[in-house]
């Protein structure tokens, strides 16, 4: 595989090199940034924040939040937009789920995002590793909201079911771009397949999960195509959407055809909300995990998921979990 990056599939002369004033990255000035970086290094963890060169990593790490990337830092796909290196992956690390769980405990997280590279070298695409990580995090940090950002597992239902059996609260799988541009932008992935994965994930747990997806803008998509992608996601019961500006990580990646103005992002957010999305994050520097904790799944759904997890483990609620009954009238009167 070519580790130097994907070949351009669009006319490189389309690229707009000069960034507009609204594309600004904040540099770290908070000690929490260095504390988080030290913790991640100490536990030998990989974050998509660094691997994907996320422009928000300074801000997020300063707020003690991070998106953990499991299953290594070498991807079996070579998507034209992604900074993660393409190479033959290393073997999975059996203790990685516990290390991620320990990081969530030390950081005191109430919301964690777990993602992974595409592992087409594995029969299950890494689904079992996701399952083990979700379970370890839940066991170590009870009450935490668990969000996963997954590859498509090559649309193998049994692999997707393995991930969903671990019962994440939020299931995120990005379509990344509009249907027309998908063959140019995404390696091996298919637009319809991604939509199907999102729908099947929700159906597998009887609707007891929030589903989420994201789209990059600035790759040459048209407004009508963006609106159609929104409709396609809603038709597949997706309720959380992220919209952000594509930024080229290296000259070997796809060109930035257009820088979308913040006003346009605001308009797309309003349109998406009117189409029925429950939560929309839309802006030039928005990424899939940016301010992920701002979205709160419905409390009743979280309670149902946790009840299902306990039932699957054969754990029954004891008296300590039951609400204290109100006193009957007259019982508090002296005899």
C-alpha atoms as a PDB file:
ATOM      1  CA  UNK A   1       0.000   0.000   0.000  1.00  0.00           C
ATOM      2  CA  UNK A   2       1.118   3.553  -0.643  1.00  0.00           C
ATOM      3  CA  UNK A   3       1.870   5.205   2.679  1.00  0.00           C
ATOM      4  CA  UNK A   4       2.603   8.580   1.121  1.00  0.00           C
ATOM      5  CA  UNK A   5      -1.070   9.404   0.723  1.00  0.00           C
ATOM      6  CA  UNK A   6      -3.784   9.003  -1.876  1.00  0.00           C
ATOM      7  CA  UNK A   7      -3.458  10.125  -5.479  1.00  0.00           C
ATOM      8  CA  UNK A   8      -5.451  13.192  -6.454  1.00  0.00           C
ATOM      9  CA  UNK A   9      -8.648  12.261  -8.235  1.00  0.00           C
ATOM     10  CA  UNK A  10      -9.759  15.856  -8.777  1.00  0.00           C
ATOM     11  CA  UNK A  11      -8.114  18.563 -10.837  1.00  0.00           C
ATOM     12  CA  UNK A  12      -5.370  19.925  -8.505  1.00  0.00           C
ATOM     13  CA  UNK A  13      -5.722  23.371 -10.072  1.00  0.00           C
ATOM     14  CA  UNK A  14      -9.082  23.656  -8.310  1.00  0.00           C
ATOM     15  CA  UNK A  15      -7.301  24.000  -4.950  1.00  0.00           C
ATOM     16  CA  UNK A  16      -7.627  27.274  -3.068  1.00  0.00           C
ATOM     17  CA  UNK A  17      -4.474  27.635  -1.023  1.00  0.00           C
ATOM     18  CA  UNK A  18      -5.170  30.888   0.816  1.00  0.00           C
ATOM     19  CA  UNK A  19      -7.364  30.351   3.862  1.00  0.00           C
ATOM     20  CA  UNK A  20      -9.980  32.996   4.668  1.00  0.00           C
ATOM     21  CA  UNK A  21      -9.928  34.964   7.906  1.00  0.00           C
ATOM     22  CA  UNK A  22     -12.594  32.777   9.534  1.00  0.00           C
ATOM     23  CA  UNK A  23     -10.327  29.710   9.429  1.00  0.00           C
ATOM     24  CA  UNK A  24      -8.339  30.238  12.596  1.00  0.00           C
ATOM     25  CA  UNK A  25      -6.806  27.660  14.907  1.00  0.00           C
ATOM     26  CA  UNK A  26      -6.345  28.463  18.573  1.00  0.00           C
ATOM     27  CA  UNK A  27      -2.987  27.556  20.060  1.00  0.00           C
ATOM     28  CA  UNK A  28      -2.788  25.933  23.502  1.00  0.00           C
ATOM     29  CA  UNK A  29      -2.577  28.289  26.466  1.00  0.00           C
ATOM     30  CA  UNK A  30      -4.210  26.096  29.102  1.00  0.00           C
ATOM     31  CA  UNK A  31      -2.315  23.694  31.400  1.00  0.00           C
ATOM     32  CA  UNK A  32      -5.103  21.142  30.910  1.00  0.00           C
ATOM     33  CA  UNK A  33      -3.881  20.734  27.315  1.00  0.00           C
ATOM     34  CA  UNK A  34      -0.490  19.524  28.462  1.00  0.00           C
ATOM     35  CA  UNK A  35      -2.059  17.394  31.211  1.00  0.00           C
ATOM     36  CA  UNK A  36      -4.249  15.625  28.667  1.00  0.00           C
ATOM     37  CA  UNK A  37      -1.339  15.151  26.274  1.00  0.00           C
ATOM     38  CA  UNK A  38       0.739  13.665  29.086  1.00  0.00           C
ATOM     39  CA  UNK A  39      -2.045  11.287  30.097  1.00  0.00           C
ATOM     40  CA  UNK A  40      -2.500  10.031  26.529  1.00  0.00           C
ATOM     41  CA  UNK A  41       1.236   9.481  26.206  1.00  0.00           C
ATOM     42  CA  UNK A  42       1.416   7.743  29.595  1.00  0.00           C
ATOM     43  CA  UNK A  43      -1.275   5.228  28.640  1.00  0.00           C
ATOM     44  CA  UNK A  44       0.183   4.729  25.145  1.00  0.00           C
ATOM     45  CA  UNK A  45      -3.069   5.713  23.448  1.00  0.00           C
ATOM     46  CA  UNK A  46      -3.777   7.032  19.960  1.00  0.00           C
ATOM     47  CA  UNK A  47      -6.172   9.918  19.374  1.00  0.00           C
ATOM     48  CA  UNK A  48      -7.808  10.894  16.119  1.00  0.00           C
ATOM     49  CA  UNK A  49      -7.199  14.451  17.297  1.00  0.00           C
ATOM     50  CA  UNK A  50      -3.520  14.097  16.375  1.00  0.00           C
ATOM     51  CA  UNK A  51      -3.665  11.459  13.658  1.00  0.00           C
ATOM     52  CA  UNK A  52      -6.253  13.376  11.598  1.00  0.00           C
ATOM     53  CA  UNK A  53      -4.635  16.752  12.351  1.00  0.00           C
ATOM     54  CA  UNK A  54      -7.893  18.046  13.801  1.00  0.00           C
ATOM     55  CA  UNK A  55      -7.862  21.862  13.981  1.00  0.00           C
ATOM     56  CA  UNK A  56      -9.707  21.793  17.304  1.00  0.00           C
ATOM     57  CA  UNK A  57      -7.330  19.575  19.277  1.00  0.00           C
ATOM     58  CA  UNK A  58      -5.877  22.513  21.188  1.00  0.00           C
ATOM     59  CA  UNK A  59      -9.337  23.593  22.349  1.00  0.00           C
ATOM     60  CA  UNK A  60     -10.636  20.104  23.119  1.00  0.00           C
ATOM     61  CA  UNK A  61      -7.546  18.969  25.001  1.00  0.00           C
ATOM     62  CA  UNK A  62      -7.622  22.154  27.031  1.00  0.00           C
ATOM     63  CA  UNK A  63     -11.139  21.104  28.083  1.00  0.00           C
ATOM     64  CA  UNK A  64      -9.935  17.572  28.966  1.00  0.00           C
ATOM     65  CA  UNK A  65     -11.782  15.924  26.097  1.00  0.00           C
ATOM     66  CA  UNK A  66     -10.368  13.619  23.448  1.00  0.00           C
ATOM     67  CA  UNK A  67     -11.499  11.137  20.837  1.00  0.00           C
ATOM     68  CA  UNK A  68      -9.706   7.835  21.289  1.00  0.00           C
ATOM     69  CA  UNK A  69      -8.715   5.945  18.144  1.00  0.00           C
ATOM     70  CA  UNK A  70      -8.485   2.225  18.767  1.00  0.00           C
ATOM     71  CA  UNK A  71      -7.119  -0.616  16.622  1.00  0.00           C
ATOM     72  CA  UNK A  72      -3.900   1.209  15.752  1.00  0.00           C
ATOM     73  CA  UNK A  73      -3.008   4.248  13.671  1.00  0.00           C
ATOM     74  CA  UNK A  74      -2.554   2.508  10.304  1.00  0.00           C
ATOM     75  CA  UNK A  75      -5.606   2.356   8.034  1.00  0.00           C
ATOM     76  CA  UNK A  76      -6.302  -0.186   5.287  1.00  0.00           C
ATOM     77  CA  UNK A  77      -8.055   2.451   3.178  1.00  0.00           C
ATOM     78  CA  UNK A  78      -6.676   5.549   1.459  1.00  0.00           C
ATOM     79  CA  UNK A  79      -9.456   8.121   1.444  1.00  0.00           C
ATOM     80  CA  UNK A  80      -8.606  11.275  -0.462  1.00  0.00           C
ATOM     81  CA  UNK A  81      -9.385  13.600   2.446  1.00  0.00           C
ATOM     82  CA  UNK A  82      -7.857  11.798   5.417  1.00  0.00           C
ATOM     83  CA  UNK A  83      -4.499  12.432   7.089  1.00  0.00           C
ATOM     84  CA  UNK A  84      -4.355   9.021   8.808  1.00  0.00           C
ATOM     85  CA  UNK A  85      -1.611   6.978   7.179  1.00  0.00           C
ATOM     86  CA  UNK A  86      -2.373   3.996   4.962  1.00  0.00           C
ATOM     87  CA  UNK A  87      -0.260   0.931   5.708  1.00  0.00           C
ATOM     88  CA  UNK A  88      -0.419  -2.686   6.781  1.00  0.00           C
ATOM     89  CA  UNK A  89      -1.878  -2.494  10.307  1.00  0.00           C
ATOM     90  CA  UNK A  90      -0.273  -3.974  13.402  1.00  0.00           C
ATOM     91  CA  UNK A  91      -1.916  -6.649  15.500  1.00  0.00           C
ATOM     92  CA  UNK A  92      -4.639  -5.527  17.888  1.00  0.00           C
ATOM     93  CA  UNK A  93      -3.522  -4.820  21.449  1.00  0.00           C
ATOM     94  CA  UNK A  94      -5.560  -6.921  23.872  1.00  0.00           C
ATOM     95  CA  UNK A  95      -5.179  -4.439  26.742  1.00  0.00           C
ATOM     96  CA  UNK A  96      -6.133  -1.353  24.708  1.00  0.00           C
ATOM     97  CA  UNK A  97      -9.804  -1.397  25.811  1.00  0.00           C
ATOM     98  CA  UNK A  98      -8.694  -1.255  29.452  1.00  0.00           C
ATOM     99  CA  UNK A  99      -6.244   1.571  28.736  1.00  0.00           C
ATOM    100  CA  UNK A 100      -8.969   3.628  27.067  1.00  0.00           C
ATOM    101  CA  UNK A 101     -11.275   2.933  30.003  1.00  0.00           C
ATOM    102  CA  UNK A 102      -8.601   4.026  32.455  1.00  0.00           C
ATOM    103  CA  UNK A 103      -8.105   7.262  30.511  1.00  0.00           C
ATOM    104  CA  UNK A 104     -11.825   8.079  30.763  1.00  0.00           C
ATOM    105  CA  UNK A 105     -11.646   7.466  34.511  1.00  0.00           C
ATOM    106  CA  UNK A 106      -8.561   9.620  35.083  1.00  0.00           C
ATOM    107  CA  UNK A 107      -9.995  12.445  32.972  1.00  0.00           C
ATOM    108  CA  UNK A 108     -13.353  12.261  34.728  1.00  0.00           C
ATOM    109  CA  UNK A 109     -15.192  12.132  31.403  1.00  0.00           C
ATOM    110  CA  UNK A 110     -18.985  12.020  31.266  1.00  0.00           C
ATOM    111  CA  UNK A 111     -18.967  11.624  27.473  1.00  0.00           C
ATOM    112  CA  UNK A 112     -16.399   9.693  25.458  1.00  0.00           C
ATOM    113  CA  UNK A 113     -15.977   9.227  21.712  1.00  0.00           C
ATOM    114  CA  UNK A 114     -14.312   6.025  20.487  1.00  0.00           C
ATOM    115  CA  UNK A 115     -13.316   5.695  16.846  1.00  0.00           C
ATOM    116  CA  UNK A 116     -11.011   3.492  14.778  1.00  0.00           C
ATOM    117  CA  UNK A 117      -9.218   3.185  11.505  1.00  0.00           C
ATOM    118  CA  UNK A 118     -10.733   0.902   8.872  1.00  0.00           C
ATOM    119  CA  UNK A 119      -9.432  -2.616   9.490  1.00  0.00           C
ATOM    120  CA  UNK A 120     -10.340  -4.484   6.323  1.00  0.00           C
ATOM    121  CA  UNK A 121      -7.586  -6.956   7.187  1.00  0.00           C
ATOM    122  CA  UNK A 122      -9.766  -8.289  10.001  1.00  0.00           C
ATOM    123  CA  UNK A 123     -12.759 -10.490   9.230  1.00  0.00           C
ATOM    124  CA  UNK A 124     -14.988  -8.449  11.563  1.00  0.00           C
ATOM    125  CA  UNK A 125     -13.465  -5.105  10.575  1.00  0.00           C
ATOM    126  CA  UNK A 126     -12.548  -4.491  14.224  1.00  0.00           C
ATOM    127  CA  UNK A 127     -16.109  -4.806  15.545  1.00  0.00           C
ATOM    128  CA  UNK A 128     -15.180  -7.106  18.429  1.00  0.00           C
ATOM    129  CA  UNK A 129     -12.464  -4.664  19.522  1.00  0.00           C
ATOM    130  CA  UNK A 130     -15.099  -1.917  19.620  1.00  0.00           C
ATOM    131  CA  UNK A 131     -17.298  -4.208  21.707  1.00  0.00           C
ATOM    132  CA  UNK A 132     -14.551  -4.901  24.235  1.00  0.00           C
ATOM    133  CA  UNK A 133     -13.685  -1.199  24.490  1.00  0.00           C
ATOM    134  CA  UNK A 134     -17.301  -0.123  25.043  1.00  0.00           C
ATOM    135  CA  UNK A 135     -17.724  -2.766  27.731  1.00  0.00           C
ATOM    136  CA  UNK A 136     -14.473  -1.818  29.479  1.00  0.00           C
ATOM    137  CA  UNK A 137     -15.375   1.885  29.514  1.00  0.00           C
ATOM    138  CA  UNK A 138     -18.863   1.190  30.884  1.00  0.00           C
ATOM    139  CA  UNK A 139     -17.464  -1.093  33.581  1.00  0.00           C
ATOM    140  CA  UNK A 140     -14.741   1.363  34.650  1.00  0.00           C
ATOM    141  CA  UNK A 141     -16.755   4.562  34.361  1.00  0.00           C
ATOM    142  CA  UNK A 142     -20.451   3.824  35.096  1.00  0.00           C
ATOM    143  CA  UNK A 143     -22.854   6.487  33.888  1.00  0.00           C
ATOM    144  CA  UNK A 144     -20.630   7.771  31.102  1.00  0.00           C
ATOM    145  CA  UNK A 145     -22.245   8.472  27.707  1.00  0.00           C
ATOM    146  CA  UNK A 146     -20.496   6.326  25.105  1.00  0.00           C
ATOM    147  CA  UNK A 147     -20.328   7.471  21.480  1.00  0.00           C
ATOM    148  CA  UNK A 148     -18.712   5.376  18.756  1.00  0.00           C
ATOM    149  CA  UNK A 149     -17.583   6.626  15.354  1.00  0.00           C
ATOM    150  CA  UNK A 150     -17.184   3.482  13.293  1.00  0.00           C
ATOM    151  CA  UNK A 151     -16.134   2.333   9.811  1.00  0.00           C
ATOM    152  CA  UNK A 152     -18.697   0.425   7.740  1.00  0.00           C
ATOM    153  CA  UNK A 153     -17.420  -3.077   8.724  1.00  0.00           C
ATOM    154  CA  UNK A 154     -17.823  -3.871   5.004  1.00  0.00           C
ATOM    155  CA  UNK A 155     -21.574  -4.012   5.643  1.00  0.00           C
ATOM    156  CA  UNK A 156     -21.308  -7.344   7.452  1.00  0.00           C
ATOM    157  CA  UNK A 157     -24.421  -7.478   9.590  1.00  0.00           C
ATOM    158  CA  UNK A 158     -22.980  -9.945  12.081  1.00  0.00           C
ATOM    159  CA  UNK A 159     -20.008  -7.636  12.703  1.00  0.00           C
ATOM    160  CA  UNK A 160     -22.244  -4.583  13.110  1.00  0.00           C
ATOM    161  CA  UNK A 161     -24.426  -6.588  15.494  1.00  0.00           C
ATOM    162  CA  UNK A 162     -21.353  -7.393  17.595  1.00  0.00           C
ATOM    163  CA  UNK A 163     -20.697  -3.678  18.047  1.00  0.00           C
ATOM    164  CA  UNK A 164     -24.337  -2.877  18.771  1.00  0.00           C
ATOM    165  CA  UNK A 165     -24.596  -5.698  21.314  1.00  0.00           C
ATOM    166  CA  UNK A 166     -22.254  -3.625  23.494  1.00  0.00           C
ATOM    167  CA  UNK A 167     -24.959  -0.921  23.453  1.00  0.00           C
ATOM    168  CA  UNK A 168     -23.321   2.431  22.738  1.00  0.00           C
ATOM    169  CA  UNK A 169     -25.551   5.439  23.414  1.00  0.00           C
ATOM    170  CA  UNK A 170     -24.604   7.232  20.174  1.00  0.00           C
ATOM    171  CA  UNK A 171     -23.719   5.465  16.915  1.00  0.00           C
ATOM    172  CA  UNK A 172     -21.814   7.693  14.472  1.00  0.00           C
ATOM    173  CA  UNK A 173     -20.868   6.752  10.924  1.00  0.00           C
ATOM    174  CA  UNK A 174     -19.988   9.530   8.504  1.00  0.00           C
ATOM    175  CA  UNK A 175     -21.160   9.643   4.901  1.00  0.00           C
ATOM    176  CA  UNK A 176     -18.432  12.330   4.519  1.00  0.00           C
ATOM    177  CA  UNK A 177     -19.708  13.856   1.256  1.00  0.00           C
ATOM    178  CA  UNK A 178     -22.586  13.896  -1.220  1.00  0.00           C
ATOM    179  CA  UNK A 179     -23.436  10.874  -3.333  1.00  0.00           C
ATOM    180  CA  UNK A 180     -21.856  12.150  -6.582  1.00  0.00           C
ATOM    181  CA  UNK A 181     -18.465  12.780  -4.982  1.00  0.00           C
ATOM    182  CA  UNK A 182     -18.307   9.620  -2.852  1.00  0.00           C
ATOM    183  CA  UNK A 183     -16.241   7.560  -5.351  1.00  0.00           C
ATOM    184  CA  UNK A 184     -13.676  10.379  -5.529  1.00  0.00           C
ATOM    185  CA  UNK A 185     -13.511  11.145  -1.826  1.00  0.00           C
ATOM    186  CA  UNK A 186     -13.860   7.796  -0.054  1.00  0.00           C
ATOM    187  CA  UNK A 187     -11.757   4.687  -0.561  1.00  0.00           C
ATOM    188  CA  UNK A 188     -13.907   1.529  -0.997  1.00  0.00           C
ATOM    189  CA  UNK A 189     -16.818   3.078   0.874  1.00  0.00           C
ATOM    190  CA  UNK A 190     -20.199   3.447  -0.789  1.00  0.00           C
ATOM    191  CA  UNK A 191     -22.840   6.089  -0.187  1.00  0.00           C
ATOM    192  CA  UNK A 192     -25.792   3.688  -0.045  1.00  0.00           C
ATOM    193  CA  UNK A 193     -23.850   1.265   2.127  1.00  0.00           C
ATOM    194  CA  UNK A 194     -23.142   3.937   4.733  1.00  0.00           C
ATOM    195  CA  UNK A 195     -26.810   4.919   4.846  1.00  0.00           C
ATOM    196  CA  UNK A 196     -27.781   1.265   5.250  1.00  0.00           C
ATOM    197  CA  UNK A 197     -25.294   0.783   8.101  1.00  0.00           C
ATOM    198  CA  UNK A 198     -26.785   3.745   9.980  1.00  0.00           C
ATOM    199  CA  UNK A 199     -30.323   2.409   9.598  1.00  0.00           C
ATOM    200  CA  UNK A 200     -29.439  -1.184  10.460  1.00  0.00           C
ATOM    201  CA  UNK A 201     -27.519  -0.141  13.567  1.00  0.00           C
ATOM    202  CA  UNK A 202     -30.625   1.567  14.919  1.00  0.00           C
ATOM    203  CA  UNK A 203     -32.924  -1.286  13.961  1.00  0.00           C
ATOM    204  CA  UNK A 204     -30.669  -3.849  15.651  1.00  0.00           C
ATOM    205  CA  UNK A 205     -31.365  -2.307  19.059  1.00  0.00           C
ATOM    206  CA  UNK A 206     -35.001  -1.495  18.522  1.00  0.00           C
ATOM    207  CA  UNK A 207     -34.308   2.193  17.991  1.00  0.00           C
ATOM    208  CA  UNK A 208     -32.606   2.554  21.382  1.00  0.00           C
ATOM    209  CA  UNK A 209     -29.609   4.519  20.141  1.00  0.00           C
ATOM    210  CA  UNK A 210     -29.009   7.986  18.732  1.00  0.00           C
ATOM    211  CA  UNK A 211     -27.579   7.836  15.206  1.00  0.00           C
ATOM    212  CA  UNK A 212     -25.240  10.508  13.872  1.00  0.00           C
ATOM    213  CA  UNK A 213     -23.408  11.318  10.652  1.00  0.00           C
ATOM    214  CA  UNK A 214     -21.213  14.053   9.211  1.00  0.00           C
ATOM    215  CA  UNK A 215     -20.540  15.788   5.899  1.00  0.00           C
ATOM    216  CA  UNK A 216     -17.507  17.798   4.772  1.00  0.00           C
ATOM    217  CA  UNK A 217     -18.161  20.848   2.620  1.00  0.00           C
ATOM    218  CA  UNK A 218     -15.840  22.523   0.131  1.00  0.00           C
ATOM    219  CA  UNK A 219     -15.082  19.545  -2.122  1.00  0.00           C
ATOM    220  CA  UNK A 220     -17.159  20.829  -5.018  1.00  0.00           C
ATOM    221  CA  UNK A 221     -20.601  19.697  -3.895  1.00  0.00           C
ATOM    222  CA  UNK A 222     -23.685  21.685  -4.923  1.00  0.00           C
ATOM    223  CA  UNK A 223     -26.292  23.096  -2.549  1.00  0.00           C
ATOM    224  CA  UNK A 224     -29.018  20.799  -3.890  1.00  0.00           C
ATOM    225  CA  UNK A 225     -26.750  17.790  -3.307  1.00  0.00           C
ATOM    226  CA  UNK A 226     -26.176  18.819   0.315  1.00  0.00           C
ATOM    227  CA  UNK A 227     -29.909  19.128   0.898  1.00  0.00           C
ATOM    228  CA  UNK A 228     -30.465  15.729  -0.748  1.00  0.00           C
ATOM    229  CA  UNK A 229     -27.848  14.171   1.544  1.00  0.00           C
ATOM    230  CA  UNK A 230     -29.718  15.615   4.528  1.00  0.00           C
ATOM    231  CA  UNK A 231     -32.945  14.070   3.232  1.00  0.00           C
ATOM    232  CA  UNK A 232     -31.219  10.731   2.697  1.00  0.00           C
ATOM    233  CA  UNK A 233     -29.948  10.732   6.273  1.00  0.00           C
ATOM    234  CA  UNK A 234     -33.374  11.595   7.661  1.00  0.00           C
ATOM    235  CA  UNK A 235     -34.923   8.847   5.507  1.00  0.00           C
ATOM    236  CA  UNK A 236     -32.562   6.471   7.320  1.00  0.00           C
ATOM    237  CA  UNK A 237     -33.605   7.772  10.741  1.00  0.00           C
ATOM    238  CA  UNK A 238     -30.420   9.750  11.518  1.00  0.00           C
ATOM    239  CA  UNK A 239     -31.084  12.514  14.051  1.00  0.00           C
ATOM    240  CA  UNK A 240     -27.674  14.122  14.698  1.00  0.00           C
ATOM    241  CA  UNK A 241     -25.682  15.897  11.971  1.00  0.00           C
ATOM    242  CA  UNK A 242     -22.291  17.597  11.747  1.00  0.00           C
ATOM    243  CA  UNK A 243     -21.229  19.893   8.898  1.00  0.00           C
ATOM    244  CA  UNK A 244     -17.668  21.181   8.608  1.00  0.00           C
ATOM    245  CA  UNK A 245     -15.160  22.655   6.164  1.00  0.00           C
ATOM    246  CA  UNK A 246     -12.789  20.253   4.405  1.00  0.00           C
ATOM    247  CA  UNK A 247      -9.160  21.285   4.912  1.00  0.00           C
ATOM    248  CA  UNK A 248      -6.473  19.562   2.841  1.00  0.00           C
ATOM    249  CA  UNK A 249      -3.932  17.878   5.167  1.00  0.00           C
ATOM    250  CA  UNK A 250      -1.144  17.612   2.547  1.00  0.00           C
ATOM    251  CA  UNK A 251      -0.635  18.567  -1.117  1.00  0.00           C
ATOM    252  CA  UNK A 252      -1.150  14.894  -2.011  1.00  0.00           C
ATOM    253  CA  UNK A 253      -4.746  14.979  -0.774  1.00  0.00           C
ATOM    254  CA  UNK A 254      -7.861  16.278  -2.491  1.00  0.00           C
ATOM    255  CA  UNK A 255      -7.995  19.998  -3.285  1.00  0.00           C
ATOM    256  CA  UNK A 256     -10.146  22.473  -1.381  1.00  0.00           C
ATOM    257  CA  UNK A 257     -12.503  23.642  -4.120  1.00  0.00           C
ATOM    258  CA  UNK A 258     -14.303  26.214  -1.986  1.00  0.00           C
ATOM    259  CA  UNK A 259     -14.186  27.776   1.469  1.00  0.00           C
ATOM    260  CA  UNK A 260     -17.740  27.920   2.788  1.00  0.00           C
ATOM    261  CA  UNK A 261     -18.662  31.129   4.608  1.00  0.00           C
ATOM    262  CA  UNK A 262     -19.859  30.827   8.226  1.00  0.00           C
ATOM    263  CA  UNK A 263     -23.179  32.385   7.206  1.00  0.00           C
ATOM    264  CA  UNK A 264     -23.772  29.487   4.817  1.00  0.00           C
ATOM    265  CA  UNK A 265     -23.017  27.003   7.590  1.00  0.00           C
ATOM    266  CA  UNK A 266     -25.564  28.783   9.781  1.00  0.00           C
ATOM    267  CA  UNK A 267     -28.149  28.532   7.002  1.00  0.00           C
ATOM    268  CA  UNK A 268     -27.488  24.824   6.527  1.00  0.00           C
ATOM    269  CA  UNK A 269     -27.916  24.298  10.261  1.00  0.00           C
ATOM    270  CA  UNK A 270     -31.324  25.951  10.216  1.00  0.00           C
ATOM    271  CA  UNK A 271     -32.390  23.920   7.187  1.00  0.00           C
ATOM    272  CA  UNK A 272     -31.244  20.683   8.839  1.00  0.00           C
ATOM    273  CA  UNK A 273     -33.185  21.461  12.010  1.00  0.00           C
ATOM    274  CA  UNK A 274     -36.283  22.161   9.933  1.00  0.00           C
ATOM    275  CA  UNK A 275     -35.819  18.768   8.269  1.00  0.00           C
ATOM    276  CA  UNK A 276     -36.089  17.096  11.666  1.00  0.00           C
ATOM    277  CA  UNK A 277     -32.538  16.621  12.955  1.00  0.00           C
ATOM    278  CA  UNK A 278     -32.531  16.842  16.757  1.00  0.00           C
ATOM    279  CA  UNK A 279     -29.038  18.331  16.987  1.00  0.00           C
ATOM    280  CA  UNK A 280     -26.847  19.988  14.342  1.00  0.00           C
ATOM    281  CA  UNK A 281     -23.261  21.237  14.687  1.00  0.00           C
ATOM    282  CA  UNK A 282     -22.372  23.332  11.637  1.00  0.00           C
ATOM    283  CA  UNK A 283     -19.345  25.562  11.121  1.00  0.00           C
ATOM    284  CA  UNK A 284     -15.988  25.825   9.341  1.00  0.00           C
ATOM    285  CA  UNK A 285     -14.005  24.043  12.069  1.00  0.00           C
ATOM    286  CA  UNK A 286     -16.699  21.569  13.138  1.00  0.00           C
ATOM    287  CA  UNK A 287     -15.607  17.933  13.062  1.00  0.00           C
ATOM    288  CA  UNK A 288     -17.470  14.755  13.991  1.00  0.00           C
ATOM    289  CA  UNK A 289     -16.377  14.848  17.620  1.00  0.00           C
ATOM    290  CA  UNK A 290     -16.245  18.621  18.121  1.00  0.00           C
ATOM    291  CA  UNK A 291     -18.257  19.503  21.241  1.00  0.00           C
ATOM    292  CA  UNK A 292     -19.750  16.007  21.029  1.00  0.00           C
ATOM    293  CA  UNK A 293     -20.912  16.268  24.639  1.00  0.00           C
ATOM    294  CA  UNK A 294     -23.181  19.193  23.690  1.00  0.00           C
ATOM    295  CA  UNK A 295     -25.659  16.628  22.379  1.00  0.00           C
ATOM    296  CA  UNK A 296     -27.497  14.786  25.120  1.00  0.00           C
ATOM    297  CA  UNK A 297     -29.408  11.649  24.130  1.00  0.00           C
ATOM    298  CA  UNK A 298     -32.864  11.421  25.643  1.00  0.00           C
ATOM    299  CA  UNK A 299     -32.643  10.343  29.283  1.00  0.00           C
ATOM    300  CA  UNK A 300     -35.282   7.669  28.786  1.00  0.00           C
ATOM    301  CA  UNK A 301     -33.249   6.133  25.961  1.00  0.00           C
ATOM    302  CA  UNK A 302     -30.108   6.091  28.123  1.00  0.00           C
ATOM    303  CA  UNK A 303     -32.061   4.458  30.960  1.00  0.00           C
ATOM    304  CA  UNK A 304     -33.461   1.830  28.589  1.00  0.00           C
ATOM    305  CA  UNK A 305     -30.013   1.059  27.174  1.00  0.00           C
ATOM    306  CA  UNK A 306     -28.521   0.629  30.633  1.00  0.00           C
ATOM    307  CA  UNK A 307     -31.479  -1.527  31.705  1.00  0.00           C
ATOM    308  CA  UNK A 308     -30.931  -3.743  28.656  1.00  0.00           C
ATOM    309  CA  UNK A 309     -27.224  -4.040  29.523  1.00  0.00           C
ATOM    310  CA  UNK A 310     -28.041  -5.093  33.089  1.00  0.00           C
ATOM    311  CA  UNK A 311     -30.624  -7.592  31.884  1.00  0.00           C
ATOM    312  CA  UNK A 312     -28.140  -9.117  29.436  1.00  0.00           C
ATOM    313  CA  UNK A 313     -25.704  -9.601  32.305  1.00  0.00           C
ATOM    314  CA  UNK A 314     -28.411 -11.063  34.528  1.00  0.00           C
ATOM    315  CA  UNK A 315     -28.116  -8.153  36.949  1.00  0.00           C
ATOM    316  CA  UNK A 316     -31.372  -7.329  38.675  1.00  0.00           C
ATOM    317  CA  UNK A 317     -32.227  -4.074  40.367  1.00  0.00           C
ATOM    318  CA  UNK A 318     -32.088  -4.236  44.127  1.00  0.00           C
ATOM    319  CA  UNK A 319     -34.052  -2.221  46.671  1.00  0.00           C
ATOM    320  CA  UNK A 320     -31.348   0.451  46.643  1.00  0.00           C
ATOM    321  CA  UNK A 321     -32.299   1.317  43.061  1.00  0.00           C
ATOM    322  CA  UNK A 322     -35.989   1.755  43.756  1.00  0.00           C
ATOM    323  CA  UNK A 323     -37.505   5.181  44.453  1.00  0.00           C
ATOM    324  CA  UNK A 324     -38.542   5.910  48.032  1.00  0.00           C
ATOM    325  CA  UNK A 325     -42.367   5.735  48.167  1.00  0.00           C
ATOM    326  CA  UNK A 326     -44.245   8.785  49.351  1.00  0.00           C
ATOM    327  CA  UNK A 327     -45.723   8.549  52.837  1.00  0.00           C
ATOM    328  CA  UNK A 328     -49.447   7.836  52.976  1.00  0.00           C
ATOM    329  CA  UNK A 329     -51.592  10.658  54.377  1.00  0.00           C
ATOM    330  CA  UNK A 330     -51.928  10.478  58.143  1.00  0.00           C
ATOM    331  CA  UNK A 331     -48.947   8.199  58.752  1.00  0.00           C
ATOM    332  CA  UNK A 332     -46.815  11.105  59.923  1.00  0.00           C
ATOM    333  CA  UNK A 333     -49.361  12.181  62.536  1.00  0.00           C
ATOM    334  CA  UNK A 334     -48.585  11.425  66.201  1.00  0.00           C
ATOM    335  CA  UNK A 335     -50.751   8.761  67.820  1.00  0.00           C
END
